[in-house]
């Protein structure tokens, strides 16, 4: 039995809850705000736009992508050879992030 204050596994959450939890971080909120205002962007542009290191932005983009908040135009396996553009998913764009 779990207490009310115990964290649940991310796989137990519904998609909406996963998206909201992923967006709750400050850097993640800045990334979502940047993409909402600027449209599809490269990692370097997002990093410069929110004044955060590329490694940090890359980490948070991966979490946002896993939560279906953002998407990339290039699959994860091909990203070593190409520069992906990240954009909000259609659901996020419609919700008026």
Protein backbone atom coordinates (compact mmCIF):
# COMPACT_ATOMS: atom_id res chain seq x y z
CA UNK A 1 0.00 0.00 0.00
CA UNK A 2 1.35 3.45 -0.86
CA UNK A 3 0.82 6.62 1.09
CA UNK A 4 -0.68 9.65 -0.62
CA UNK A 5 2.62 11.50 -0.44
CA UNK A 6 4.67 8.80 -2.18
CA UNK A 7 5.69 9.43 -5.77
CA UNK A 8 4.21 7.21 -8.39
CA UNK A 9 6.16 5.68 -11.21
CA UNK A 10 6.09 7.75 -14.43
CA UNK A 11 4.57 4.76 -16.20
CA UNK A 12 1.59 4.97 -13.83
CA UNK A 13 0.72 8.46 -14.96
CA UNK A 14 -1.73 9.29 -17.70
CA UNK A 15 -0.31 11.08 -20.75
CA UNK A 16 -1.71 14.46 -19.62
CA UNK A 17 -0.12 14.10 -16.19
CA UNK A 18 3.21 13.11 -17.77
CA UNK A 19 3.13 16.23 -19.96
CA UNK A 20 2.29 18.48 -17.02
CA UNK A 21 5.00 16.96 -14.83
CA UNK A 22 7.57 17.33 -17.64
CA UNK A 23 6.63 20.98 -18.11
CA UNK A 24 6.81 21.80 -14.41
CA UNK A 25 10.56 22.49 -14.34
CA UNK A 26 11.73 26.05 -14.85
CA UNK A 27 14.06 25.28 -17.75
CA UNK A 28 11.42 23.09 -19.35
CA UNK A 29 8.87 25.88 -19.05
CA UNK A 30 11.34 28.25 -20.68
CA UNK A 31 11.90 25.78 -23.53
CA UNK A 32 8.16 25.40 -24.09
CA UNK A 33 7.74 29.18 -23.99
CA UNK A 34 10.58 29.67 -26.45
CA UNK A 35 9.14 27.13 -28.89
CA UNK A 36 5.66 28.62 -28.54
CA UNK A 37 6.99 32.04 -29.46
CA UNK A 38 9.56 31.08 -32.09
CA UNK A 39 8.30 27.88 -33.67
CA UNK A 40 10.54 24.96 -34.64
CA UNK A 41 14.11 25.62 -33.57
CA UNK A 42 17.53 24.00 -33.36
CA UNK A 43 19.12 23.11 -30.03
CA UNK A 44 21.65 25.95 -30.34
CA UNK A 45 18.91 28.53 -30.96
CA UNK A 46 16.87 27.33 -27.97
CA UNK A 47 19.98 27.30 -25.78
CA UNK A 48 20.90 30.86 -26.78
CA UNK A 49 17.30 32.03 -26.51
CA UNK A 50 16.90 30.93 -22.89
CA UNK A 51 20.54 31.49 -21.88
CA UNK A 52 21.13 27.90 -20.75
CA UNK A 53 23.88 25.45 -21.69
CA UNK A 54 23.30 23.16 -24.65
CA UNK A 55 23.85 20.06 -22.51
CA UNK A 56 21.14 21.19 -20.10
CA UNK A 57 18.72 22.05 -22.91
CA UNK A 58 19.44 18.71 -24.61
CA UNK A 59 18.65 16.87 -21.36
CA UNK A 60 15.37 18.72 -20.84
CA UNK A 61 14.36 18.39 -24.50
CA UNK A 62 14.74 14.62 -24.16
CA UNK A 63 12.41 14.65 -21.14
CA UNK A 64 9.89 16.86 -22.94
CA UNK A 65 10.06 14.63 -26.00
CA UNK A 66 9.49 11.51 -23.88
CA UNK A 67 6.43 13.20 -22.37
CA UNK A 68 5.12 14.12 -25.86
CA UNK A 69 5.38 17.85 -25.21
CA UNK A 70 7.89 18.45 -28.02
CA UNK A 71 8.87 16.49 -31.09
CA UNK A 72 11.84 16.40 -33.41
CA UNK A 73 11.91 16.20 -37.18
CA UNK A 74 14.74 13.63 -37.02
CA UNK A 75 14.66 10.28 -35.22
CA UNK A 76 16.97 9.85 -32.24
CA UNK A 77 19.19 7.36 -34.08
CA UNK A 78 19.97 9.77 -36.94
CA UNK A 79 20.69 12.85 -34.84
CA UNK A 80 24.45 12.35 -34.92
CA UNK A 81 24.57 13.17 -38.62
CA UNK A 82 21.86 15.83 -38.83
CA UNK A 83 20.69 18.83 -36.83
CA UNK A 84 17.15 18.26 -35.58
CA UNK A 85 14.56 20.97 -35.22
CA UNK A 86 12.33 20.76 -32.16
CA UNK A 87 8.73 21.96 -32.07
CA UNK A 88 5.76 21.69 -29.78
CA UNK A 89 3.48 18.75 -30.47
CA UNK A 90 0.12 19.65 -32.01
CA UNK A 91 -1.63 18.99 -28.68
CA UNK A 92 0.63 21.51 -26.93
CA UNK A 93 0.18 24.11 -29.66
CA UNK A 94 -3.62 23.82 -29.45
CA UNK A 95 -3.66 24.10 -25.65
CA UNK A 96 -2.10 27.55 -25.86
CA UNK A 97 1.01 26.71 -23.85
